[in-house]
C-alpha cells in the first residue's frame, strides 16, 4: 500500500508537470496560474501545493526533467580520459545541441524557458537557479581550458575563463535562435561547424574531430 501510494504520488506529480508544460508553451509562464494548471490536470490546488511550493517550483520541476539527464551525461564526458581536450570540449558542446534537435520533450521545455518565460519576481528563484547552472558550466569549461593551457595546447596569452564564457555564449546563442525557428537551419550541423571554428581559434594545433 505504501509503495502504491508513492507511485500514485509520483504519477500525480508527473501529471501536473505535463499539463504545466503545455500551458506554459501555449500561454507563457507568467500568464499561467496554479489554478489553470490544477484545472488542466484535473487535480486540486492542494495537490499542487503537496508537490510544489509555488509556480517557480513547478517551473524548476519542469526544467529538471530534461536538464538532470543532460548534467549526468555531461559529467560522463568530463570524466573521460581517452580523448584530447579539444575533442572533449567539442563533444561536450555538441551534446545539448544533439539532444535539443532530436528530443521533442527537451525542445518544448527549452522553447518555454527561452521564449515563454518573463523575468518576474515570481520566478526569481528560477532565475537564480539558472544562473547557478550557467556559472557551473562555465566553471567546468574553464577548468578544461586551463588543462589545455597547462599542456601547451592553447595559443599564447589565451585566457581560459574568457574562452569558456565565449563557448557558452556560442552554444546558448545557437540554441536560442534554433528554438525560435527550427526550420531555418540544422542545429547539429551548423553547431559542429561553428564550434570547430571557435575552438580552432583557441587551440594551437588541429585535433581530430569528434565522432558525429
N, C-alpha and C. Protein backbone atom coordinates (compact mmCIF):
# COMPACT_ATOMS: atom_id res chain seq x y z
N UNK A 1 0.83 -1.21 0.00
CA UNK A 1 0.00 0.00 0.00
C UNK A 1 0.86 1.26 0.00
N UNK A 2 1.95 1.24 0.82
CA UNK A 2 2.84 2.39 0.87
C UNK A 2 3.50 2.61 -0.48
N UNK A 3 3.95 1.49 -1.11
CA UNK A 3 4.60 1.60 -2.41
C UNK A 3 3.62 2.15 -3.43
N UNK A 4 2.39 1.67 -3.40
CA UNK A 4 1.39 2.15 -4.35
C UNK A 4 1.13 3.64 -4.14
N UNK A 5 1.10 4.06 -2.87
CA UNK A 5 0.86 5.48 -2.58
C UNK A 5 2.00 6.34 -3.14
N UNK A 6 3.23 5.85 -3.01
CA UNK A 6 4.36 6.59 -3.55
C UNK A 6 4.30 6.65 -5.07
N UNK A 7 3.90 5.53 -5.67
CA UNK A 7 3.77 5.50 -7.12
C UNK A 7 2.66 6.44 -7.58
N UNK A 8 1.55 6.46 -6.84
CA UNK A 8 0.45 7.36 -7.18
C UNK A 8 0.87 8.82 -7.05
N UNK A 9 1.62 9.11 -5.98
CA UNK A 9 2.07 10.48 -5.76
C UNK A 9 3.01 10.92 -6.89
N UNK A 10 3.91 10.03 -7.29
CA UNK A 10 4.82 10.37 -8.39
C UNK A 10 4.05 10.56 -9.69
N UNK A 11 3.05 9.73 -9.92
CA UNK A 11 2.24 9.86 -11.13
C UNK A 11 1.50 11.19 -11.14
N UNK A 12 1.00 11.61 -9.98
CA UNK A 12 0.31 12.91 -9.89
C UNK A 12 1.28 14.04 -10.17
N UNK A 13 2.47 13.94 -9.63
CA UNK A 13 3.49 14.97 -9.85
C UNK A 13 3.80 15.09 -11.35
N UNK A 14 3.98 13.96 -12.00
CA UNK A 14 4.29 13.98 -13.42
C UNK A 14 3.12 14.54 -14.22
N UNK A 15 1.90 14.21 -13.82
CA UNK A 15 0.71 14.72 -14.48
C UNK A 15 0.65 16.24 -14.40
N UNK A 16 0.94 16.76 -13.22
CA UNK A 16 0.95 18.21 -13.02
C UNK A 16 1.99 18.86 -13.93
N UNK A 17 3.18 18.29 -13.98
CA UNK A 17 4.25 18.86 -14.81
C UNK A 17 3.92 18.76 -16.30
N UNK A 18 3.30 17.66 -16.70
CA UNK A 18 2.92 17.51 -18.11
C UNK A 18 1.97 18.64 -18.54
N UNK A 19 0.96 18.89 -17.72
CA UNK A 19 -0.02 19.93 -18.07
C UNK A 19 0.55 21.33 -17.90
N UNK A 20 1.43 21.51 -16.93
CA UNK A 20 2.09 22.80 -16.77
C UNK A 20 2.90 23.14 -18.02
N UNK A 21 3.62 22.17 -18.54
CA UNK A 21 4.41 22.39 -19.75
C UNK A 21 3.54 22.85 -20.90
N UNK A 22 2.42 22.17 -21.10
CA UNK A 22 1.53 22.50 -22.21
C UNK A 22 0.96 23.92 -22.06
N UNK A 23 0.60 24.27 -20.84
CA UNK A 23 0.06 25.60 -20.59
C UNK A 23 1.13 26.67 -20.72
N UNK A 24 2.32 26.40 -20.19
CA UNK A 24 3.43 27.35 -20.32
C UNK A 24 3.75 27.60 -21.80
N UNK A 25 3.72 26.53 -22.59
CA UNK A 25 4.04 26.66 -24.01
C UNK A 25 2.98 27.49 -24.73
N UNK A 26 1.73 27.29 -24.38
CA UNK A 26 0.63 27.97 -25.07
C UNK A 26 0.46 29.42 -24.62
N UNK A 27 0.51 29.64 -23.31
CA UNK A 27 0.16 30.96 -22.77
C UNK A 27 1.35 31.73 -22.20
N UNK A 28 2.47 31.08 -22.02
CA UNK A 28 3.59 31.72 -21.35
C UNK A 28 3.53 31.44 -19.86
N UNK A 29 4.67 31.52 -19.20
CA UNK A 29 4.73 31.17 -17.78
C UNK A 29 3.99 32.19 -16.92
N UNK A 30 4.19 33.47 -17.18
CA UNK A 30 3.59 34.50 -16.32
C UNK A 30 2.06 34.52 -16.45
N UNK A 31 1.54 34.10 -17.60
CA UNK A 31 0.09 34.13 -17.81
C UNK A 31 -0.60 32.82 -17.40
N UNK A 32 0.16 31.91 -16.87
CA UNK A 32 -0.41 30.64 -16.40
C UNK A 32 -0.41 30.63 -14.88
N UNK A 33 -1.56 30.36 -14.28
CA UNK A 33 -1.67 30.32 -12.82
C UNK A 33 -1.68 28.88 -12.34
N UNK A 34 -1.45 28.70 -11.05
CA UNK A 34 -1.53 27.37 -10.47
C UNK A 34 -2.95 26.81 -10.61
N UNK A 35 -3.94 27.70 -10.54
CA UNK A 35 -5.31 27.25 -10.73
C UNK A 35 -5.52 26.72 -12.15
N UNK A 36 -4.93 27.39 -13.13
CA UNK A 36 -5.02 26.91 -14.51
C UNK A 36 -4.43 25.50 -14.62
N UNK A 37 -3.29 25.31 -13.98
CA UNK A 37 -2.63 24.00 -14.04
C UNK A 37 -3.47 22.95 -13.34
N UNK A 38 -4.04 23.30 -12.20
CA UNK A 38 -4.88 22.35 -11.45
C UNK A 38 -6.08 21.91 -12.28
N UNK A 39 -6.73 22.86 -12.93
CA UNK A 39 -7.90 22.54 -13.75
C UNK A 39 -7.51 21.64 -14.92
N UNK A 40 -6.43 22.00 -15.60
CA UNK A 40 -5.99 21.22 -16.76
C UNK A 40 -5.60 19.80 -16.37
N UNK A 41 -4.96 19.65 -15.20
CA UNK A 41 -4.50 18.34 -14.76
C UNK A 41 -5.60 17.54 -14.06
N UNK A 42 -6.72 18.22 -13.75
CA UNK A 42 -7.80 17.53 -13.06
C UNK A 42 -7.48 17.21 -11.61
N UNK A 43 -6.71 18.12 -10.96
CA UNK A 43 -6.36 17.93 -9.55
C UNK A 43 -6.72 19.20 -8.79
N UNK A 44 -6.64 19.17 -7.49
CA UNK A 44 -6.92 20.35 -6.68
C UNK A 44 -5.65 21.19 -6.52
N UNK A 45 -5.84 22.46 -6.14
CA UNK A 45 -4.67 23.29 -5.84
C UNK A 45 -3.87 22.68 -4.68
N UNK A 46 -4.59 22.04 -3.76
CA UNK A 46 -3.91 21.39 -2.65
C UNK A 46 -2.95 20.32 -3.12
N UNK A 47 -3.34 19.60 -4.17
CA UNK A 47 -2.46 18.57 -4.72
C UNK A 47 -1.19 19.19 -5.29
N UNK A 48 -1.35 20.34 -5.92
CA UNK A 48 -0.17 21.03 -6.46
C UNK A 48 0.75 21.46 -5.32
N UNK A 49 0.16 22.05 -4.28
CA UNK A 49 0.98 22.51 -3.15
C UNK A 49 1.59 21.36 -2.36
N UNK A 50 1.04 20.17 -2.51
CA UNK A 50 1.65 19.00 -1.87
C UNK A 50 3.01 18.68 -2.51
N UNK A 51 3.09 18.93 -3.81
CA UNK A 51 4.30 18.59 -4.56
C UNK A 51 5.22 19.78 -4.82
N UNK A 52 4.64 20.99 -4.87
CA UNK A 52 5.42 22.17 -5.26
C UNK A 52 5.12 23.34 -4.34
N UNK A 53 6.15 24.14 -4.07
CA UNK A 53 6.00 25.29 -3.19
C UNK A 53 5.21 26.41 -3.86
N UNK A 54 5.51 26.68 -5.12
CA UNK A 54 4.87 27.77 -5.87
C UNK A 54 5.09 27.52 -7.35
N UNK A 55 4.74 28.49 -8.18
CA UNK A 55 4.88 28.29 -9.63
C UNK A 55 6.34 28.18 -10.05
N UNK A 56 7.21 28.91 -9.38
CA UNK A 56 8.64 28.79 -9.70
C UNK A 56 9.12 27.37 -9.46
N UNK A 57 8.60 26.72 -8.43
CA UNK A 57 8.98 25.34 -8.13
C UNK A 57 8.46 24.40 -9.21
N UNK A 58 7.26 24.69 -9.71
CA UNK A 58 6.72 23.91 -10.83
C UNK A 58 7.64 24.08 -12.05
N UNK A 59 8.03 25.32 -12.32
CA UNK A 59 8.92 25.61 -13.45
C UNK A 59 10.23 24.85 -13.31
N UNK A 60 10.80 24.86 -12.11
CA UNK A 60 12.06 24.16 -11.87
C UNK A 60 11.89 22.65 -12.03
N UNK A 61 10.75 22.13 -11.58
CA UNK A 61 10.48 20.71 -11.76
C UNK A 61 10.41 20.35 -13.23
N UNK A 62 9.80 21.22 -14.03
CA UNK A 62 9.74 21.02 -15.47
C UNK A 62 11.15 21.01 -16.07
N UNK A 63 12.00 21.95 -15.66
CA UNK A 63 13.36 22.02 -16.18
C UNK A 63 14.19 20.82 -15.76
N UNK A 64 14.02 20.38 -14.52
CA UNK A 64 14.82 19.27 -14.02
C UNK A 64 14.60 17.99 -14.83
N UNK A 65 13.39 17.82 -15.35
CA UNK A 65 13.11 16.59 -16.07
C UNK A 65 13.96 16.45 -17.34
N UNK A 66 14.44 17.57 -17.88
CA UNK A 66 15.30 17.47 -19.06
C UNK A 66 16.75 17.82 -18.77
N UNK A 67 16.99 18.68 -17.77
CA UNK A 67 18.38 19.10 -17.52
C UNK A 67 19.16 18.11 -16.67
N UNK A 68 18.52 17.43 -15.75
CA UNK A 68 19.26 16.48 -14.91
C UNK A 68 19.88 15.34 -15.73
N UNK A 69 19.15 14.75 -16.68
CA UNK A 69 19.80 13.75 -17.53
C UNK A 69 20.95 14.33 -18.34
N UNK A 70 20.81 15.58 -18.78
CA UNK A 70 21.88 16.25 -19.52
C UNK A 70 23.12 16.43 -18.65
N UNK A 71 22.90 16.81 -17.40
CA UNK A 71 24.01 17.02 -16.49
C UNK A 71 24.75 15.71 -16.22
N UNK A 72 24.01 14.61 -16.10
CA UNK A 72 24.63 13.31 -15.88
C UNK A 72 25.47 12.90 -17.09
N UNK A 73 24.93 13.15 -18.29
CA UNK A 73 25.67 12.82 -19.50
C UNK A 73 26.92 13.68 -19.62
N UNK A 74 26.81 14.95 -19.26
CA UNK A 74 27.97 15.85 -19.32
C UNK A 74 29.05 15.40 -18.35
N UNK A 75 28.64 14.98 -17.16
CA UNK A 75 29.61 14.50 -16.16
C UNK A 75 30.36 13.28 -16.69
N UNK A 76 29.66 12.43 -17.44
CA UNK A 76 30.31 11.25 -18.00
C UNK A 76 31.36 11.66 -19.03
N UNK A 77 31.07 12.68 -19.83
CA UNK A 77 32.05 13.16 -20.81
C UNK A 77 33.25 13.77 -20.10
N UNK A 78 32.99 14.57 -19.07
CA UNK A 78 34.08 15.23 -18.35
C UNK A 78 35.01 14.23 -17.67
N UNK A 79 34.50 13.06 -17.36
CA UNK A 79 35.32 12.05 -16.67
C UNK A 79 36.17 11.23 -17.64
N UNK A 80 35.99 11.45 -18.93
CA UNK A 80 36.72 10.67 -19.92
C UNK A 80 38.21 10.98 -19.89
N UNK A 81 39.01 9.97 -20.11
CA UNK A 81 40.47 10.16 -20.18
C UNK A 81 41.02 9.70 -21.53
N UNK A 82 40.11 9.25 -22.42
CA UNK A 82 40.56 8.69 -23.69
C UNK A 82 40.58 9.72 -24.82
N UNK A 83 40.13 10.94 -24.55
CA UNK A 83 40.05 11.96 -25.60
C UNK A 83 40.94 13.14 -25.27
N UNK A 84 41.50 13.78 -26.32
CA UNK A 84 42.26 15.00 -26.08
C UNK A 84 41.28 16.10 -25.68
N UNK A 85 41.79 17.16 -25.12
CA UNK A 85 40.93 18.17 -24.52
C UNK A 85 40.09 18.92 -25.55
N UNK A 86 40.62 19.11 -26.73
CA UNK A 86 39.84 19.80 -27.75
C UNK A 86 38.66 18.94 -28.20
N UNK A 87 38.89 17.65 -28.35
CA UNK A 87 37.81 16.74 -28.72
C UNK A 87 36.78 16.66 -27.60
N UNK A 88 37.26 16.62 -26.36
CA UNK A 88 36.35 16.57 -25.23
C UNK A 88 35.45 17.80 -25.19
N UNK A 89 36.03 18.97 -25.40
CA UNK A 89 35.25 20.20 -25.39
C UNK A 89 34.23 20.22 -26.53
N UNK A 90 34.62 19.72 -27.68
CA UNK A 90 33.70 19.67 -28.81
C UNK A 90 32.55 18.71 -28.53
N UNK A 91 32.88 17.53 -28.02
CA UNK A 91 31.84 16.54 -27.69
C UNK A 91 30.86 17.11 -26.66
N UNK A 92 31.41 17.73 -25.63
CA UNK A 92 30.58 18.28 -24.57
C UNK A 92 29.67 19.40 -25.09
N UNK A 93 30.19 20.21 -25.97
CA UNK A 93 29.42 21.34 -26.51
C UNK A 93 28.33 20.87 -27.47
N UNK A 94 28.61 19.81 -28.21
CA UNK A 94 27.63 19.28 -29.16
C UNK A 94 26.50 18.52 -28.49
N UNK A 95 26.75 18.02 -27.29
CA UNK A 95 25.76 17.18 -26.62
C UNK A 95 24.40 17.86 -26.46
N UNK A 96 24.32 19.07 -25.90
CA UNK A 96 22.99 19.69 -25.75
C UNK A 96 22.34 20.01 -27.09
N UNK A 97 23.15 20.28 -28.12
CA UNK A 97 22.58 20.57 -29.43
C UNK A 97 21.93 19.32 -30.01
N UNK A 98 22.60 18.20 -29.87
CA UNK A 98 22.04 16.93 -30.37
C UNK A 98 20.76 16.58 -29.62
N UNK A 99 20.77 16.73 -28.31
CA UNK A 99 19.60 16.39 -27.52
C UNK A 99 18.43 17.32 -27.85
N UNK A 100 18.73 18.60 -28.05
CA UNK A 100 17.68 19.56 -28.35
C UNK A 100 17.03 19.27 -29.70
N UNK A 101 17.86 18.90 -30.69
CA UNK A 101 17.35 18.68 -32.04
C UNK A 101 16.59 17.36 -32.16
N UNK A 102 16.93 16.37 -31.34
CA UNK A 102 16.35 15.04 -31.50
C UNK A 102 15.29 14.68 -30.46
N UNK A 103 15.19 15.44 -29.38
CA UNK A 103 14.26 15.11 -28.30
C UNK A 103 13.13 16.16 -28.26
N UNK A 104 11.92 15.80 -28.71
CA UNK A 104 10.81 16.77 -28.73
C UNK A 104 10.48 17.32 -27.35
N UNK A 105 10.62 16.49 -26.31
CA UNK A 105 10.32 16.96 -24.95
C UNK A 105 11.31 18.06 -24.54
N UNK A 106 12.58 17.82 -24.77
CA UNK A 106 13.58 18.82 -24.43
C UNK A 106 13.37 20.09 -25.26
N UNK A 107 12.99 19.91 -26.52
CA UNK A 107 12.75 21.07 -27.38
C UNK A 107 11.63 21.93 -26.82
N UNK A 108 10.54 21.30 -26.37
CA UNK A 108 9.41 22.06 -25.83
C UNK A 108 9.81 22.81 -24.57
N UNK A 109 10.52 22.13 -23.68
CA UNK A 109 10.90 22.74 -22.41
C UNK A 109 11.86 23.91 -22.63
N UNK A 110 12.83 23.74 -23.50
CA UNK A 110 13.78 24.82 -23.74
C UNK A 110 13.14 25.97 -24.51
N UNK A 111 12.16 25.67 -25.35
CA UNK A 111 11.43 26.74 -26.02
C UNK A 111 10.67 27.58 -24.99
N UNK A 112 10.07 26.90 -24.02
CA UNK A 112 9.39 27.61 -22.93
C UNK A 112 10.38 28.47 -22.16
N UNK A 113 11.49 27.87 -21.77
CA UNK A 113 12.47 28.58 -20.95
C UNK A 113 13.06 29.79 -21.66
N UNK A 114 13.26 29.66 -22.98
CA UNK A 114 13.93 30.73 -23.72
C UNK A 114 12.97 31.77 -24.29
N UNK A 115 11.72 31.37 -24.56
CA UNK A 115 10.84 32.28 -25.28
C UNK A 115 9.46 32.49 -24.64
N UNK A 116 9.14 31.74 -23.60
CA UNK A 116 7.82 31.87 -22.98
C UNK A 116 7.91 32.24 -21.50
N UNK A 117 9.10 32.69 -21.08
CA UNK A 117 9.33 32.97 -19.67
C UNK A 117 9.77 34.42 -19.49
N UNK A 118 9.01 35.17 -18.74
CA UNK A 118 9.34 36.56 -18.46
C UNK A 118 10.06 36.67 -17.12
N UNK A 119 10.94 37.65 -17.00
CA UNK A 119 11.67 37.87 -15.75
C UNK A 119 10.74 38.59 -14.78
N UNK A 120 10.20 37.87 -13.83
CA UNK A 120 9.29 38.44 -12.83
C UNK A 120 9.77 38.06 -11.44
N UNK A 121 9.28 38.80 -10.44
CA UNK A 121 9.64 38.47 -9.06
C UNK A 121 9.19 37.05 -8.71
N UNK A 122 8.07 36.64 -9.29
CA UNK A 122 7.52 35.32 -9.01
C UNK A 122 8.48 34.20 -9.40
N UNK A 123 9.29 34.45 -10.43
CA UNK A 123 10.22 33.44 -10.92
C UNK A 123 11.67 33.74 -10.54
N UNK A 124 11.85 34.57 -9.53
CA UNK A 124 13.21 34.97 -9.13
C UNK A 124 14.06 33.76 -8.75
N UNK A 125 13.49 32.82 -8.03
CA UNK A 125 14.26 31.65 -7.59
C UNK A 125 14.68 30.81 -8.79
N UNK A 126 13.82 30.74 -9.80
CA UNK A 126 14.17 30.01 -11.01
C UNK A 126 15.32 30.70 -11.74
N UNK A 127 15.30 32.04 -11.74
CA UNK A 127 16.38 32.78 -12.37
C UNK A 127 17.71 32.55 -11.67
N UNK A 128 17.68 32.50 -10.35
CA UNK A 128 18.91 32.24 -9.59
C UNK A 128 19.43 30.84 -9.88
N UNK A 129 18.52 29.88 -9.98
CA UNK A 129 18.91 28.50 -10.28
C UNK A 129 19.54 28.42 -11.67
N UNK A 130 18.95 29.11 -12.62
CA UNK A 130 19.50 29.11 -13.98
C UNK A 130 20.90 29.71 -13.98
N UNK A 131 21.10 30.83 -13.29
CA UNK A 131 22.41 31.46 -13.26
C UNK A 131 23.44 30.55 -12.61
N UNK A 132 23.03 29.82 -11.59
CA UNK A 132 23.95 28.88 -10.94
C UNK A 132 24.37 27.78 -11.91
N UNK A 133 23.43 27.31 -12.73
CA UNK A 133 23.76 26.29 -13.73
C UNK A 133 24.73 26.83 -14.77
N UNK A 134 24.49 28.07 -15.21
CA UNK A 134 25.39 28.69 -16.18
C UNK A 134 26.78 28.84 -15.59
N UNK A 135 26.84 29.34 -14.36
CA UNK A 135 28.13 29.52 -13.69
C UNK A 135 28.87 28.18 -13.55
N UNK A 136 28.12 27.12 -13.25
CA UNK A 136 28.72 25.81 -13.11
C UNK A 136 29.29 25.31 -14.43
N UNK A 137 28.55 25.51 -15.52
CA UNK A 137 29.02 25.11 -16.84
C UNK A 137 30.30 25.86 -17.21
N UNK A 138 30.28 27.17 -17.00
CA UNK A 138 31.46 27.98 -17.33
C UNK A 138 32.66 27.56 -16.48
N UNK A 139 32.40 27.25 -15.22
CA UNK A 139 33.50 26.80 -14.35
C UNK A 139 34.10 25.49 -14.85
N UNK A 140 33.23 24.56 -15.27
CA UNK A 140 33.73 23.28 -15.80
C UNK A 140 34.54 23.50 -17.07
N UNK A 141 34.05 24.36 -17.96
CA UNK A 141 34.75 24.63 -19.21
C UNK A 141 36.07 25.36 -18.96
N UNK A 142 36.05 26.28 -17.98
CA UNK A 142 37.28 26.98 -17.65
C UNK A 142 38.35 26.00 -17.19
N UNK A 143 37.96 25.03 -16.40
CA UNK A 143 38.91 24.01 -15.93
C UNK A 143 39.51 23.24 -17.10
N UNK A 144 38.69 22.89 -18.09
CA UNK A 144 39.20 22.14 -19.24
C UNK A 144 40.14 23.01 -20.07
N UNK A 145 39.81 24.27 -20.25
CA UNK A 145 40.70 25.17 -20.98
C UNK A 145 42.01 25.38 -20.21
N UNK A 146 41.94 25.41 -18.88
CA UNK A 146 43.15 25.53 -18.08
C UNK A 146 44.04 24.30 -18.25
N UNK A 147 43.41 23.15 -18.31
CA UNK A 147 44.17 21.91 -18.54
C UNK A 147 44.86 21.97 -19.89
N UNK A 148 44.15 22.48 -20.89
CA UNK A 148 44.74 22.59 -22.22
C UNK A 148 45.90 23.57 -22.22
N UNK A 149 45.74 24.69 -21.49
CA UNK A 149 46.81 25.68 -21.40
C UNK A 149 48.04 25.09 -20.73
N UNK A 150 47.81 24.32 -19.65
CA UNK A 150 48.93 23.70 -18.93
C UNK A 150 49.67 22.70 -19.80
N UNK A 151 48.93 22.10 -20.74
CA UNK A 151 49.53 21.12 -21.64
C UNK A 151 50.14 21.77 -22.88
N UNK A 152 50.10 23.11 -22.93
CA UNK A 152 50.68 23.83 -24.05
C UNK A 152 49.84 23.76 -25.31
N UNK A 153 48.53 23.48 -25.17
CA UNK A 153 47.67 23.31 -26.34
C UNK A 153 46.95 24.60 -26.74
N UNK A 154 46.90 25.59 -25.85
CA UNK A 154 46.23 26.85 -26.18
C UNK A 154 47.22 27.85 -26.77
N UNK A 155 46.67 28.79 -27.51
CA UNK A 155 47.50 29.83 -28.10
C UNK A 155 48.09 30.74 -27.01
N UNK A 156 49.22 31.37 -27.30
CA UNK A 156 49.84 32.25 -26.30
C UNK A 156 48.89 33.34 -25.83
N UNK A 157 48.94 33.62 -24.55
CA UNK A 157 48.14 34.66 -23.89
C UNK A 157 46.63 34.36 -23.89
N UNK A 158 46.25 33.16 -24.26
CA UNK A 158 44.83 32.78 -24.21
C UNK A 158 44.37 32.72 -22.75
N UNK A 159 43.19 33.24 -22.48
CA UNK A 159 42.63 33.25 -21.13
C UNK A 159 41.51 32.19 -21.04
N UNK A 160 41.74 31.14 -20.26
CA UNK A 160 40.76 30.05 -20.19
C UNK A 160 39.36 30.49 -19.81
N UNK A 161 39.24 31.45 -18.87
CA UNK A 161 37.90 31.87 -18.45
C UNK A 161 37.18 32.60 -19.59
N UNK A 162 37.91 33.42 -20.33
CA UNK A 162 37.32 34.10 -21.48
C UNK A 162 36.88 33.09 -22.53
N UNK A 163 37.71 32.08 -22.75
CA UNK A 163 37.37 31.05 -23.73
C UNK A 163 36.10 30.31 -23.33
N UNK A 164 35.96 30.03 -22.03
CA UNK A 164 34.78 29.31 -21.53
C UNK A 164 33.52 30.15 -21.67
N UNK A 165 33.62 31.44 -21.37
CA UNK A 165 32.45 32.32 -21.50
C UNK A 165 32.01 32.40 -22.96
N UNK A 166 32.96 32.54 -23.86
CA UNK A 166 32.64 32.60 -25.27
C UNK A 166 32.01 31.31 -25.77
N UNK A 167 32.51 30.18 -25.28
CA UNK A 167 31.95 28.89 -25.67
C UNK A 167 30.50 28.76 -25.23
N UNK A 168 30.23 29.16 -23.99
CA UNK A 168 28.84 29.12 -23.52
C UNK A 168 27.96 30.04 -24.36
N UNK A 169 28.44 31.24 -24.65
CA UNK A 169 27.64 32.19 -25.42
C UNK A 169 27.31 31.64 -26.80
N UNK A 170 28.25 30.94 -27.41
CA UNK A 170 28.02 30.35 -28.72
C UNK A 170 26.95 29.26 -28.66
N UNK A 171 27.07 28.36 -27.68
CA UNK A 171 26.09 27.28 -27.53
C UNK A 171 24.71 27.85 -27.22
N UNK A 172 24.66 28.78 -26.28
CA UNK A 172 23.39 29.39 -25.88
C UNK A 172 22.75 30.13 -27.06
N UNK A 173 23.55 30.84 -27.84
CA UNK A 173 23.03 31.56 -28.98
C UNK A 173 22.47 30.63 -30.05
N UNK A 174 23.16 29.54 -30.31
CA UNK A 174 22.67 28.55 -31.27
C UNK A 174 21.33 27.98 -30.82
N UNK A 175 21.24 27.62 -29.55
CA UNK A 175 20.01 27.04 -29.02
C UNK A 175 18.87 28.05 -29.05
N UNK A 176 19.18 29.28 -28.68
CA UNK A 176 18.15 30.33 -28.64
C UNK A 176 17.59 30.59 -30.02
N UNK A 177 18.45 30.72 -31.02
CA UNK A 177 18.00 31.02 -32.37
C UNK A 177 17.28 29.83 -33.01
N UNK A 178 17.76 28.62 -32.75
CA UNK A 178 17.13 27.45 -33.36
C UNK A 178 15.74 27.20 -32.78
N UNK A 179 15.57 27.41 -31.48
CA UNK A 179 14.25 27.19 -30.89
C UNK A 179 13.24 28.22 -31.36
N UNK A 180 13.69 29.38 -31.82
CA UNK A 180 12.77 30.37 -32.38
C UNK A 180 12.23 29.91 -33.72
N UNK A 181 13.13 29.38 -34.56
CA UNK A 181 12.74 28.93 -35.90
C UNK A 181 13.56 27.70 -36.29
N UNK A 182 13.13 26.53 -35.83
CA UNK A 182 13.89 25.29 -36.09
C UNK A 182 14.09 25.00 -37.58
N UNK A 183 13.19 25.50 -38.42
CA UNK A 183 13.30 25.20 -39.85
C UNK A 183 14.40 26.00 -40.54
N UNK A 184 14.96 26.98 -39.87
CA UNK A 184 15.95 27.85 -40.51
C UNK A 184 17.27 27.15 -40.76
N UNK A 185 17.69 26.27 -39.86
CA UNK A 185 18.97 25.59 -40.05
C UNK A 185 19.01 24.30 -39.24
N UNK A 186 19.92 23.42 -39.61
CA UNK A 186 20.11 22.16 -38.90
C UNK A 186 21.05 22.42 -37.73
N UNK A 187 20.53 22.26 -36.54
CA UNK A 187 21.26 22.68 -35.35
C UNK A 187 22.59 21.96 -35.18
N UNK A 188 22.59 20.64 -35.30
CA UNK A 188 23.84 19.90 -35.08
C UNK A 188 24.88 20.22 -36.15
N UNK A 189 24.45 20.30 -37.41
CA UNK A 189 25.40 20.54 -38.50
C UNK A 189 26.02 21.93 -38.39
N UNK A 190 25.19 22.94 -38.21
CA UNK A 190 25.70 24.30 -38.07
C UNK A 190 26.50 24.43 -36.78
N UNK A 191 25.98 23.81 -35.71
CA UNK A 191 26.68 23.88 -34.43
C UNK A 191 28.07 23.27 -34.50
N UNK A 192 28.20 22.13 -35.17
CA UNK A 192 29.51 21.50 -35.28
C UNK A 192 30.50 22.41 -36.00
N UNK A 193 30.08 22.98 -37.12
CA UNK A 193 30.98 23.86 -37.88
C UNK A 193 31.38 25.08 -37.05
N UNK A 194 30.40 25.69 -36.37
CA UNK A 194 30.68 26.88 -35.58
C UNK A 194 31.59 26.56 -34.40
N UNK A 195 31.33 25.45 -33.73
CA UNK A 195 32.14 25.09 -32.57
C UNK A 195 33.56 24.70 -32.97
N UNK A 196 33.71 23.99 -34.07
CA UNK A 196 35.05 23.64 -34.54
C UNK A 196 35.85 24.90 -34.86
N UNK A 197 35.20 25.85 -35.52
CA UNK A 197 35.89 27.10 -35.86
C UNK A 197 36.26 27.88 -34.60
N UNK A 198 35.34 27.90 -33.63
CA UNK A 198 35.61 28.63 -32.39
C UNK A 198 36.79 28.01 -31.65
N UNK A 199 36.78 26.70 -31.49
CA UNK A 199 37.86 26.04 -30.76
C UNK A 199 39.18 26.16 -31.50
N UNK A 200 39.13 26.17 -32.83
CA UNK A 200 40.36 26.34 -33.61
C UNK A 200 41.03 27.68 -33.31
N UNK A 201 40.23 28.66 -32.94
CA UNK A 201 40.79 29.97 -32.62
C UNK A 201 41.54 30.01 -31.30
N UNK A 202 41.32 29.01 -30.45
CA UNK A 202 41.97 28.99 -29.14
C UNK A 202 43.10 27.97 -29.06
N UNK A 203 42.98 26.86 -29.80
CA UNK A 203 43.98 25.81 -29.72
C UNK A 203 45.09 26.01 -30.74
N UNK A 204 46.27 25.55 -30.38
CA UNK A 204 47.44 25.73 -31.24
C UNK A 204 47.35 24.83 -32.45
N UNK A 205 47.13 23.56 -32.25
CA UNK A 205 47.12 22.59 -33.33
C UNK A 205 45.72 22.02 -33.52
N UNK A 206 45.43 21.60 -34.72
CA UNK A 206 44.13 20.99 -35.01
C UNK A 206 44.08 19.60 -34.43
N UNK A 207 43.05 19.32 -33.64
CA UNK A 207 42.85 17.99 -33.07
C UNK A 207 41.85 17.23 -33.94
N UNK A 208 41.83 15.92 -33.86
CA UNK A 208 40.84 15.14 -34.62
C UNK A 208 39.43 15.55 -34.25
N UNK A 209 38.55 15.60 -35.23
CA UNK A 209 37.16 15.94 -34.96
C UNK A 209 36.52 14.87 -34.12
N UNK A 210 35.54 15.29 -33.28
CA UNK A 210 34.79 14.30 -32.51
C UNK A 210 33.90 13.51 -33.45
N UNK A 211 33.59 12.32 -33.03
CA UNK A 211 32.68 11.47 -33.82
C UNK A 211 31.31 12.08 -33.86
N UNK A 212 30.64 11.94 -34.98
CA UNK A 212 29.29 12.51 -35.13
C UNK A 212 28.33 11.82 -34.19
